[in-house]
Amino acid sequence: MRKLKRQMQITLDGMVSTGPNDEQKWVTPALNEIMPDVLDLLDSDTILIGRKLAIDYIPFWQSVFQAPEHQMYEIAKRIVAAQKVLFSQTLTQSSWDNTQIANGPVAETVNRLKHMPSKDLIVYGGRSFVSALIEADLIDEFYFFLNPIVIGQGESPFMNLQAFRRFELLSSKRYGSGIVLLRYQKQR
């Protein structure tokens, strides 16, 4: 069975974004350093995404894909090539390549995708969609790029949990910038 993985840039105070557009300006300085591991995580042929993020996310990566000189071109190549499953209660069709709409129950759809033969799945969210996946206990592994910064505001995908969850640390890696990659799996 395939795993569902979630990569997150996260601050010491547990925030994953700031502002209404999920800005992560605090990540940019170390992007080149962590790029090989970000690309390794994108060794997936299927990306799960929520509608709110998709309307900016998919066109952004398509535009980066058209600019081979862009700092994030290698990421864009993988995202554009991957099948994207866009979860939405309102959309019925997609205008984007390699993108299918999932309107059914999230847990049922994710579990069906997990049982299909292929590479592991990765979710790139938005916060409310990822929160729903966390609450439904559907994410198998978390990859936290813990940034040595405190922003004091923002959003956390864990803020809607009704009960605590335990995770097992699988690996850790420290970068010269002070970022630490922590890989966890949910305890079985």
N, C-alpha and C. Protein backbone atom coordinates (compact mmCIF):
# COMPACT_ATOMS: atom_id res chain seq x y z
N MET A 1 0.85 -1.19 0.00
CA MET A 1 0.00 0.00 0.00
C MET A 1 0.89 1.25 0.00
N ARG A 2 0.49 2.23 -0.78
CA ARG A 2 1.23 3.48 -0.85
C ARG A 2 1.05 4.29 0.43
N LYS A 3 2.06 5.09 0.75
CA LYS A 3 1.98 6.01 1.88
C LYS A 3 1.59 7.38 1.36
N LEU A 4 0.95 8.15 2.24
CA LEU A 4 0.70 9.56 1.97
C LEU A 4 1.70 10.35 2.80
N LYS A 5 2.50 11.17 2.11
CA LYS A 5 3.55 11.95 2.76
C LYS A 5 3.19 13.44 2.71
N ARG A 6 3.68 14.15 3.72
CA ARG A 6 3.47 15.60 3.77
C ARG A 6 4.79 16.27 4.10
N GLN A 7 5.23 17.15 3.22
CA GLN A 7 6.42 17.96 3.47
C GLN A 7 5.96 19.33 3.93
N MET A 8 6.58 19.85 4.99
CA MET A 8 6.20 21.17 5.50
C MET A 8 7.42 21.98 5.85
N GLN A 9 7.41 23.22 5.45
CA GLN A 9 8.33 24.20 5.98
C GLN A 9 7.65 24.73 7.24
N ILE A 10 8.32 24.62 8.36
CA ILE A 10 7.69 24.98 9.63
C ILE A 10 8.66 25.81 10.48
N THR A 11 8.11 26.72 11.26
CA THR A 11 8.92 27.57 12.13
C THR A 11 9.03 26.93 13.51
N LEU A 12 9.94 27.45 14.34
CA LEU A 12 10.09 26.93 15.70
C LEU A 12 8.81 27.05 16.52
N ASP A 13 7.98 28.04 16.20
CA ASP A 13 6.72 28.20 16.92
C ASP A 13 5.56 27.48 16.22
N GLY A 14 5.87 26.58 15.29
CA GLY A 14 4.87 25.70 14.71
C GLY A 14 4.03 26.25 13.58
N MET A 15 4.44 27.37 13.01
CA MET A 15 3.67 27.97 11.93
C MET A 15 4.17 27.46 10.58
N VAL A 16 3.25 27.33 9.63
CA VAL A 16 3.62 26.89 8.29
C VAL A 16 3.45 27.99 7.26
N SER A 17 2.80 29.08 7.64
CA SER A 17 2.60 30.16 6.69
C SER A 17 2.29 31.44 7.43
N THR A 18 2.39 32.53 6.70
CA THR A 18 1.98 33.83 7.22
C THR A 18 1.17 34.52 6.15
N GLY A 19 0.20 35.27 6.57
CA GLY A 19 -0.58 36.02 5.62
C GLY A 19 -1.65 35.20 4.92
N PRO A 20 -2.52 35.86 4.20
CA PRO A 20 -3.64 35.18 3.55
C PRO A 20 -3.25 34.31 2.37
N ASN A 21 -2.03 34.49 1.84
CA ASN A 21 -1.61 33.74 0.66
C ASN A 21 -0.55 32.69 0.98
N ASP A 22 -0.49 32.24 2.23
CA ASP A 22 0.47 31.22 2.65
C ASP A 22 1.91 31.60 2.30
N GLU A 23 2.26 32.87 2.49
CA GLU A 23 3.62 33.29 2.19
C GLU A 23 4.62 32.58 3.09
N GLN A 24 5.75 32.23 2.53
CA GLN A 24 6.82 31.60 3.28
C GLN A 24 8.15 32.28 2.92
N LYS A 25 8.15 33.58 3.01
CA LYS A 25 9.36 34.33 2.64
C LYS A 25 10.55 33.94 3.49
N TRP A 26 10.31 33.45 4.68
CA TRP A 26 11.37 33.06 5.60
C TRP A 26 12.07 31.78 5.15
N VAL A 27 11.55 31.07 4.15
CA VAL A 27 12.15 29.83 3.65
C VAL A 27 13.20 30.10 2.58
N THR A 28 13.00 31.10 1.77
CA THR A 28 13.80 31.36 0.57
C THR A 28 15.31 31.35 0.78
N PRO A 29 15.85 31.95 1.85
CA PRO A 29 17.31 31.99 1.98
C PRO A 29 18.00 30.62 1.95
N ALA A 30 17.36 29.58 2.39
CA ALA A 30 17.99 28.25 2.47
C ALA A 30 17.51 27.29 1.38
N LEU A 31 16.78 27.79 0.42
CA LEU A 31 16.17 26.91 -0.57
C LEU A 31 17.19 26.06 -1.32
N ASN A 32 18.28 26.65 -1.77
CA ASN A 32 19.28 25.87 -2.50
C ASN A 32 19.86 24.75 -1.66
N GLU A 33 20.03 25.00 -0.39
CA GLU A 33 20.61 24.00 0.50
C GLU A 33 19.71 22.79 0.69
N ILE A 34 18.42 23.01 0.81
CA ILE A 34 17.50 21.90 1.07
C ILE A 34 16.93 21.29 -0.21
N MET A 35 17.22 21.91 -1.36
CA MET A 35 16.63 21.49 -2.64
C MET A 35 16.78 19.99 -2.93
N PRO A 36 17.96 19.37 -2.73
CA PRO A 36 18.05 17.94 -3.05
C PRO A 36 17.04 17.09 -2.27
N ASP A 37 16.80 17.42 -1.02
CA ASP A 37 15.85 16.64 -0.23
C ASP A 37 14.40 16.95 -0.62
N VAL A 38 14.12 18.18 -1.00
CA VAL A 38 12.79 18.53 -1.48
C VAL A 38 12.51 17.75 -2.77
N LEU A 39 13.49 17.67 -3.65
CA LEU A 39 13.32 16.92 -4.89
C LEU A 39 13.14 15.43 -4.62
N ASP A 40 13.88 14.88 -3.67
CA ASP A 40 13.70 13.47 -3.31
C ASP A 40 12.27 13.19 -2.88
N LEU A 41 11.71 14.10 -2.11
CA LEU A 41 10.33 13.93 -1.66
C LEU A 41 9.34 13.99 -2.81
N LEU A 42 9.71 14.67 -3.85
CA LEU A 42 8.84 14.78 -5.02
C LEU A 42 8.99 13.60 -5.97
N ASP A 43 9.58 12.53 -5.50
CA ASP A 43 9.66 11.31 -6.31
C ASP A 43 8.32 10.58 -6.18
N SER A 44 7.30 11.27 -6.59
CA SER A 44 5.93 10.77 -6.53
C SER A 44 5.29 11.06 -7.87
N ASP A 45 4.36 10.22 -8.25
CA ASP A 45 3.66 10.50 -9.50
C ASP A 45 2.26 11.06 -9.24
N THR A 46 1.92 11.24 -7.96
CA THR A 46 0.59 11.77 -7.63
C THR A 46 0.69 12.75 -6.47
N ILE A 47 0.14 13.94 -6.69
CA ILE A 47 0.10 15.00 -5.68
C ILE A 47 -1.36 15.26 -5.32
N LEU A 48 -1.65 15.28 -4.02
CA LEU A 48 -2.98 15.64 -3.55
C LEU A 48 -2.96 17.12 -3.17
N ILE A 49 -4.03 17.81 -3.52
CA ILE A 49 -4.07 19.26 -3.29
C ILE A 49 -5.51 19.69 -3.05
N GLY A 50 -5.68 20.67 -2.19
CA GLY A 50 -7.00 21.25 -1.94
C GLY A 50 -7.29 22.36 -2.93
N ARG A 51 -8.56 22.65 -3.15
CA ARG A 51 -8.99 23.64 -4.14
C ARG A 51 -8.45 25.04 -3.84
N LYS A 52 -8.48 25.45 -2.56
CA LYS A 52 -8.06 26.81 -2.23
C LYS A 52 -6.62 27.08 -2.65
N LEU A 53 -5.75 26.12 -2.43
CA LEU A 53 -4.35 26.30 -2.82
C LEU A 53 -4.16 26.12 -4.32
N ALA A 54 -4.89 25.21 -4.91
CA ALA A 54 -4.69 24.84 -6.32
C ALA A 54 -4.83 26.01 -7.27
N ILE A 55 -5.73 26.94 -6.99
CA ILE A 55 -5.98 28.02 -7.95
C ILE A 55 -4.76 28.91 -8.16
N ASP A 56 -3.86 28.97 -7.19
CA ASP A 56 -2.61 29.71 -7.37
C ASP A 56 -1.43 28.76 -7.60
N TYR A 57 -1.45 27.63 -6.93
CA TYR A 57 -0.35 26.67 -6.93
C TYR A 57 -0.09 26.10 -8.32
N ILE A 58 -1.11 25.57 -8.97
CA ILE A 58 -0.90 24.93 -10.27
C ILE A 58 -0.43 25.94 -11.32
N PRO A 59 -1.08 27.11 -11.47
CA PRO A 59 -0.57 28.08 -12.45
C PRO A 59 0.84 28.58 -12.12
N PHE A 60 1.17 28.72 -10.83
CA PHE A 60 2.52 29.15 -10.47
C PHE A 60 3.55 28.16 -10.98
N TRP A 61 3.35 26.87 -10.69
CA TRP A 61 4.34 25.87 -11.12
C TRP A 61 4.36 25.71 -12.63
N GLN A 62 3.23 25.91 -13.29
CA GLN A 62 3.24 25.88 -14.75
C GLN A 62 4.07 27.03 -15.31
N SER A 63 4.00 28.20 -14.70
CA SER A 63 4.80 29.34 -15.17
C SER A 63 6.28 29.13 -14.88
N VAL A 64 6.62 28.56 -13.73
CA VAL A 64 8.02 28.26 -13.43
C VAL A 64 8.57 27.23 -14.41
N PHE A 65 7.74 26.28 -14.80
CA PHE A 65 8.14 25.26 -15.76
C PHE A 65 8.51 25.88 -17.12
N GLN A 66 7.94 27.02 -17.42
CA GLN A 66 8.23 27.71 -18.69
C GLN A 66 9.52 28.54 -18.60
N ALA A 67 10.16 28.56 -17.43
CA ALA A 67 11.36 29.38 -17.22
C ALA A 67 12.51 28.52 -16.68
N PRO A 68 13.23 27.83 -17.56
CA PRO A 68 14.29 26.91 -17.11
C PRO A 68 15.37 27.57 -16.25
N GLU A 69 15.51 28.87 -16.31
CA GLU A 69 16.51 29.56 -15.49
C GLU A 69 16.03 29.81 -14.05
N HIS A 70 14.77 29.57 -13.78
CA HIS A 70 14.19 29.82 -12.46
C HIS A 70 14.83 28.92 -11.40
N GLN A 71 15.02 29.47 -10.22
CA GLN A 71 15.63 28.75 -9.09
C GLN A 71 14.88 27.46 -8.76
N MET A 72 13.59 27.42 -9.00
CA MET A 72 12.80 26.25 -8.62
C MET A 72 12.34 25.43 -9.84
N TYR A 73 13.04 25.57 -10.95
CA TYR A 73 12.66 24.86 -12.17
C TYR A 73 12.60 23.35 -11.98
N GLU A 74 13.55 22.76 -11.29
CA GLU A 74 13.57 21.30 -11.11
C GLU A 74 12.34 20.83 -10.34
N ILE A 75 11.90 21.61 -9.36
CA ILE A 75 10.67 21.28 -8.63
C ILE A 75 9.49 21.37 -9.59
N ALA A 76 9.44 22.45 -10.37
CA ALA A 76 8.34 22.66 -11.30
C ALA A 76 8.21 21.50 -12.29
N LYS A 77 9.34 21.00 -12.79
CA LYS A 77 9.29 19.88 -13.74
C LYS A 77 8.55 18.69 -13.14
N ARG A 78 8.82 18.40 -11.89
CA ARG A 78 8.19 17.24 -11.25
C ARG A 78 6.72 17.49 -10.94
N ILE A 79 6.42 18.69 -10.49
CA ILE A 79 5.03 19.01 -10.16
C ILE A 79 4.16 19.02 -11.41
N VAL A 80 4.65 19.62 -12.49
CA VAL A 80 3.88 19.69 -13.73
C VAL A 80 3.66 18.28 -14.30
N ALA A 81 4.66 17.42 -14.20
CA ALA A 81 4.54 16.07 -14.76
C ALA A 81 3.65 15.15 -13.93
N ALA A 82 3.56 15.40 -12.64
CA ALA A 82 2.80 14.52 -11.75
C ALA A 82 1.29 14.64 -11.98
N GLN A 83 0.60 13.55 -11.73
CA GLN A 83 -0.87 13.57 -11.70
C GLN A 83 -1.27 14.32 -10.43
N LYS A 84 -2.19 15.26 -10.57
CA LYS A 84 -2.68 16.00 -9.40
C LYS A 84 -4.14 15.62 -9.17
N VAL A 85 -4.45 15.33 -7.91
CA VAL A 85 -5.83 15.05 -7.52
C VAL A 85 -6.27 16.23 -6.67
N LEU A 86 -7.18 17.01 -7.23
CA LEU A 86 -7.64 18.24 -6.61
C LEU A 86 -8.96 17.94 -5.89
N PHE A 87 -8.97 18.14 -4.58
CA PHE A 87 -10.16 17.88 -3.77
C PHE A 87 -10.99 19.14 -3.69
N SER A 88 -12.26 19.03 -4.10
CA SER A 88 -13.13 20.20 -4.14
C SER A 88 -14.59 19.77 -3.97
N GLN A 89 -15.33 20.59 -3.26
CA GLN A 89 -16.77 20.38 -3.13
C GLN A 89 -17.53 21.15 -4.22
N THR A 90 -16.83 22.07 -4.91
CA THR A 90 -17.52 22.95 -5.86
C THR A 90 -17.11 22.74 -7.32
N LEU A 91 -15.85 22.40 -7.57
CA LEU A 91 -15.40 22.21 -8.95
C LEU A 91 -15.81 20.83 -9.45
N THR A 92 -16.17 20.76 -10.72
CA THR A 92 -16.52 19.47 -11.32
C THR A 92 -15.57 19.07 -12.44
N GLN A 93 -14.80 20.04 -12.95
CA GLN A 93 -13.80 19.73 -13.96
C GLN A 93 -12.62 20.67 -13.82
N SER A 94 -11.49 20.24 -14.35
CA SER A 94 -10.26 21.00 -14.23
C SER A 94 -9.84 21.56 -15.59
N SER A 95 -9.30 22.76 -15.57
CA SER A 95 -8.75 23.34 -16.79
C SER A 95 -7.24 23.13 -16.86
N TRP A 96 -6.68 22.43 -15.88
CA TRP A 96 -5.23 22.20 -15.82
C TRP A 96 -4.88 20.81 -16.30
N ASP A 97 -3.73 20.68 -16.95
CA ASP A 97 -3.23 19.38 -17.39
C ASP A 97 -2.92 18.49 -16.19
N ASN A 98 -3.06 17.19 -16.40
CA ASN A 98 -2.71 16.19 -15.38
C ASN A 98 -3.43 16.41 -14.06
N THR A 99 -4.63 16.95 -14.10
CA THR A 99 -5.35 17.25 -12.87
C THR A 99 -6.76 16.68 -12.95
N GLN A 100 -7.09 15.86 -11.97
CA GLN A 100 -8.46 15.33 -11.89
C GLN A 100 -9.11 15.86 -10.61
N ILE A 101 -10.40 16.00 -10.65
CA ILE A 101 -11.16 16.52 -9.51
C ILE A 101 -11.72 15.35 -8.70
N ALA A 102 -11.57 15.44 -7.38
CA ALA A 102 -12.16 14.46 -6.46
C ALA A 102 -13.22 15.18 -5.65
N ASN A 103 -14.48 14.80 -5.84
CA ASN A 103 -15.59 15.43 -5.12
C ASN A 103 -16.13 14.57 -3.98
N GLY A 104 -15.73 13.32 -3.93
CA GLY A 104 -16.28 12.41 -2.94
C GLY A 104 -15.68 12.60 -1.57
N PRO A 105 -16.07 11.73 -0.65
CA PRO A 105 -15.52 11.82 0.71
C PRO A 105 -13.99 11.70 0.68
N VAL A 106 -13.32 12.61 1.40
CA VAL A 106 -11.86 12.68 1.37
C VAL A 106 -11.23 11.37 1.81
N ALA A 107 -11.64 10.83 2.94
CA ALA A 107 -11.01 9.60 3.46
C ALA A 107 -11.18 8.44 2.49
N GLU A 108 -12.35 8.31 1.92
CA GLU A 108 -12.60 7.23 0.98
C GLU A 108 -11.71 7.37 -0.27
N THR A 109 -11.61 8.58 -0.78
CA THR A 109 -10.80 8.82 -1.97
C THR A 109 -9.32 8.59 -1.69
N VAL A 110 -8.83 9.11 -0.57
CA VAL A 110 -7.41 8.94 -0.23
C VAL A 110 -7.10 7.46 -0.02
N ASN A 111 -7.95 6.74 0.68
CA ASN A 111 -7.70 5.31 0.91
C ASN A 111 -7.73 4.53 -0.40
N ARG A 112 -8.59 4.90 -1.32
CA ARG A 112 -8.62 4.25 -2.63
C ARG A 112 -7.31 4.51 -3.37
N LEU A 113 -6.83 5.76 -3.34
CA LEU A 113 -5.56 6.10 -3.99
C LEU A 113 -4.39 5.36 -3.35
N LYS A 114 -4.41 5.20 -2.05
CA LYS A 114 -3.33 4.49 -1.36
C LYS A 114 -3.25 3.03 -1.81
N HIS A 115 -4.37 2.45 -2.17
CA HIS A 115 -4.38 1.04 -2.56
C HIS A 115 -4.07 0.82 -4.05
N MET A 116 -3.89 1.88 -4.81
CA MET A 116 -3.55 1.74 -6.22
C MET A 116 -2.04 1.52 -6.33
N PRO A 117 -1.61 0.64 -7.24
CA PRO A 117 -0.17 0.38 -7.36
C PRO A 117 0.54 1.55 -8.02
N SER A 118 1.56 2.06 -7.37
CA SER A 118 2.40 3.12 -7.91
C SER A 118 3.30 3.63 -6.79
N LYS A 119 3.91 4.79 -7.02
CA LYS A 119 4.77 5.40 -6.01
C LYS A 119 3.92 6.00 -4.89
N ASP A 120 4.58 6.37 -3.79
CA ASP A 120 3.88 7.01 -2.68
C ASP A 120 3.25 8.32 -3.14
N LEU A 121 2.24 8.75 -2.39
CA LEU A 121 1.52 9.99 -2.65
C LEU A 121 2.14 11.11 -1.81
N ILE A 122 2.00 12.34 -2.28
CA ILE A 122 2.42 13.48 -1.47
C ILE A 122 1.31 14.53 -1.50
N VAL A 123 1.13 15.20 -0.38
CA VAL A 123 0.10 16.24 -0.30
C VAL A 123 0.79 17.59 -0.10
N TYR A 124 0.34 18.57 -0.89
CA TYR A 124 0.84 19.93 -0.77
C TYR A 124 -0.27 20.89 -0.37
N GLY A 125 -1.40 20.37 0.02
CA GLY A 125 -2.33 21.10 0.81
C GLY A 125 -3.12 22.21 0.24
N GLY A 126 -3.16 23.14 0.89
CA GLY A 126 -3.42 24.22 1.75
C GLY A 126 -3.73 23.76 3.17
N ARG A 127 -3.62 24.73 4.07
CA ARG A 127 -3.70 24.46 5.49
C ARG A 127 -5.00 23.79 5.88
N SER A 128 -6.15 24.25 5.43
CA SER A 128 -7.42 23.65 5.85
C SER A 128 -7.57 22.23 5.30
N PHE A 129 -7.12 22.00 4.06
CA PHE A 129 -7.19 20.66 3.49
C PHE A 129 -6.26 19.71 4.24
N VAL A 130 -5.03 20.15 4.48
CA VAL A 130 -4.08 19.32 5.22
C VAL A 130 -4.60 19.06 6.64
N SER A 131 -5.20 20.06 7.26
CA SER A 131 -5.78 19.86 8.59
C SER A 131 -6.82 18.76 8.59
N ALA A 132 -7.65 18.72 7.54
CA ALA A 132 -8.67 17.67 7.43
C ALA A 132 -8.03 16.30 7.27
N LEU A 133 -6.94 16.22 6.50
CA LEU A 133 -6.24 14.94 6.35
C LEU A 133 -5.60 14.50 7.66
N ILE A 134 -5.04 15.45 8.40
CA ILE A 134 -4.43 15.12 9.70
C ILE A 134 -5.50 14.65 10.66
N GLU A 135 -6.60 15.39 10.72
CA GLU A 135 -7.70 15.01 11.63
C GLU A 135 -8.24 13.63 11.30
N ALA A 136 -8.29 13.26 10.02
CA ALA A 136 -8.77 11.94 9.61
C ALA A 136 -7.68 10.86 9.69
N ASP A 137 -6.48 11.25 10.16
CA ASP A 137 -5.37 10.32 10.36
C ASP A 137 -4.96 9.64 9.05
N LEU A 138 -4.92 10.41 7.96
CA LEU A 138 -4.61 9.86 6.64
C LEU A 138 -3.16 10.04 6.21
N ILE A 139 -2.41 10.93 6.88
CA ILE A 139 -1.01 11.17 6.50
C ILE A 139 -0.13 10.18 7.25
N ASP A 140 0.66 9.43 6.50
CA ASP A 140 1.50 8.38 7.07
C ASP A 140 2.86 8.89 7.53
N GLU A 141 3.45 9.82 6.77
CA GLU A 141 4.77 10.35 7.11
C GLU A 141 4.78 11.86 6.95
N PHE A 142 5.47 12.52 7.89
CA PHE A 142 5.66 13.97 7.86
C PHE A 142 7.15 14.26 7.69
N TYR A 143 7.46 15.20 6.83
CA TYR A 143 8.82 15.69 6.63
C TYR A 143 8.80 17.17 7.00
N PHE A 144 9.28 17.49 8.19
CA PHE A 144 9.29 18.86 8.67
C PHE A 144 10.65 19.48 8.41
N PHE A 145 10.69 20.52 7.59
CA PHE A 145 11.89 21.33 7.47
C PHE A 145 11.74 22.41 8.53
N LEU A 146 12.33 22.17 9.70
CA LEU A 146 12.20 23.06 10.85
C LEU A 146 13.17 24.22 10.68
N ASN A 147 12.60 25.41 10.45
CA ASN A 147 13.38 26.62 10.20
C ASN A 147 13.69 27.32 11.51
N PRO A 148 14.92 27.79 11.71
CA PRO A 148 15.31 28.43 12.96
C PRO A 148 14.82 29.87 13.03
N ILE A 149 13.51 30.00 13.06
CA ILE A 149 12.87 31.32 13.09
C ILE A 149 11.56 31.20 13.86
N VAL A 150 11.21 32.27 14.54
CA VAL A 150 9.92 32.37 15.22
C VAL A 150 9.21 33.55 14.59
N ILE A 151 7.96 33.35 14.15
CA ILE A 151 7.25 34.45 13.49
C ILE A 151 6.09 34.99 14.32
N GLY A 152 5.68 34.24 15.36
CA GLY A 152 4.69 34.76 16.30
C GLY A 152 3.28 34.91 15.78
N GLN A 153 3.07 34.53 14.55
CA GLN A 153 1.74 34.62 13.96
C GLN A 153 1.69 33.64 12.81
N GLY A 154 0.54 33.42 12.26
CA GLY A 154 0.42 32.52 11.12
C GLY A 154 -0.56 31.41 11.39
N GLU A 155 -0.35 30.31 10.70
CA GLU A 155 -1.28 29.19 10.81
C GLU A 155 -0.52 27.89 10.99
N SER A 156 -1.16 26.97 11.68
CA SER A 156 -0.62 25.63 11.86
C SER A 156 -1.66 24.63 11.37
N PRO A 157 -1.25 23.61 10.62
CA PRO A 157 -2.22 22.61 10.16
C PRO A 157 -2.70 21.69 11.28
N PHE A 158 -2.11 21.82 12.46
CA PHE A 158 -2.49 20.97 13.59
C PHE A 158 -3.48 21.64 14.53
N MET A 159 -3.87 22.86 14.26
CA MET A 159 -4.67 23.61 15.22
C MET A 159 -6.11 23.11 15.35
N ASN A 160 -6.57 22.25 14.47
CA ASN A 160 -7.94 21.74 14.59
C ASN A 160 -8.02 20.34 15.20
N LEU A 161 -6.89 19.79 15.60
CA LEU A 161 -6.91 18.44 16.19
C LEU A 161 -7.75 18.43 17.46
N GLN A 162 -8.53 17.39 17.61
CA GLN A 162 -9.37 17.23 18.80
C GLN A 162 -8.71 16.35 19.85
N ALA A 163 -7.68 15.60 19.45
CA ALA A 163 -6.98 14.71 20.37
C ALA A 163 -5.51 14.66 19.96
N PHE A 164 -4.64 14.37 20.92
CA PHE A 164 -3.22 14.32 20.58
C PHE A 164 -2.90 13.11 19.73
N ARG A 165 -1.79 13.19 19.01
CA ARG A 165 -1.30 12.10 18.16
C ARG A 165 0.16 11.87 18.50
N ARG A 166 0.57 10.63 18.42
CA ARG A 166 1.97 10.27 18.65
C ARG A 166 2.64 9.92 17.33
N PHE A 167 3.90 10.32 17.22
CA PHE A 167 4.68 10.04 16.02
C PHE A 167 6.02 9.45 16.42
N GLU A 168 6.60 8.70 15.49
CA GLU A 168 7.90 8.09 15.70
C GLU A 168 8.91 8.78 14.78
N LEU A 169 10.02 9.24 15.36
CA LEU A 169 11.08 9.87 14.58
C LEU A 169 11.83 8.80 13.80
N LEU A 170 11.87 8.95 12.47
CA LEU A 170 12.57 8.00 11.61
C LEU A 170 13.98 8.47 11.26
N SER A 171 14.15 9.78 11.09
CA SER A 171 15.47 10.31 10.77
C SER A 171 15.49 11.82 10.99
N SER A 172 16.71 12.35 11.06
CA SER A 172 16.89 13.80 11.16
C SER A 172 18.16 14.18 10.40
N LYS A 173 18.17 15.42 9.93
CA LYS A 173 19.32 15.92 9.17
C LYS A 173 19.44 17.41 9.44
N ARG A 174 20.64 17.85 9.77
CA ARG A 174 20.88 19.27 10.03
C ARG A 174 21.60 19.88 8.83
N TYR A 175 21.15 21.05 8.42
CA TYR A 175 21.76 21.80 7.33
C TYR A 175 22.60 22.94 7.90
N GLY A 176 23.53 23.44 7.12
CA GLY A 176 24.39 24.54 7.55
C GLY A 176 23.62 25.80 7.94
N SER A 177 22.47 26.01 7.35
CA SER A 177 21.65 27.20 7.64
C SER A 177 20.97 27.12 9.00
N GLY A 178 21.02 25.94 9.63
CA GLY A 178 20.33 25.74 10.90
C GLY A 178 19.00 25.04 10.75
N ILE A 179 18.53 24.88 9.51
CA ILE A 179 17.31 24.11 9.28
C ILE A 179 17.58 22.66 9.63
N VAL A 180 16.59 22.01 10.21
CA VAL A 180 16.67 20.59 10.52
C VAL A 180 15.51 19.89 9.84
N LEU A 181 15.81 18.84 9.09
CA LEU A 181 14.76 18.02 8.47
C LEU A 181 14.45 16.88 9.44
N LEU A 182 13.21 16.82 9.89
CA LEU A 182 12.74 15.78 10.80
C LEU A 182 11.72 14.92 10.06
N ARG A 183 11.97 13.63 10.00
CA ARG A 183 11.06 12.71 9.32
C ARG A 183 10.37 11.85 10.37
N TYR A 184 9.05 11.93 10.41
CA TYR A 184 8.24 11.19 11.37
C TYR A 184 7.22 10.31 10.65
N GLN A 185 6.87 9.23 11.29
CA GLN A 185 5.72 8.44 10.83
C GLN A 185 4.73 8.35 11.99
N LYS A 186 3.46 8.19 11.66
CA LYS A 186 2.48 8.04 12.71
C LYS A 186 2.70 6.70 13.39
N GLN A 187 2.49 6.66 14.70
CA GLN A 187 2.65 5.40 15.41
C GLN A 187 1.49 4.50 15.08
N ARG A 188 1.79 3.28 14.88
CA ARG A 188 0.78 2.30 14.49
C ARG A 188 0.14 1.69 15.71
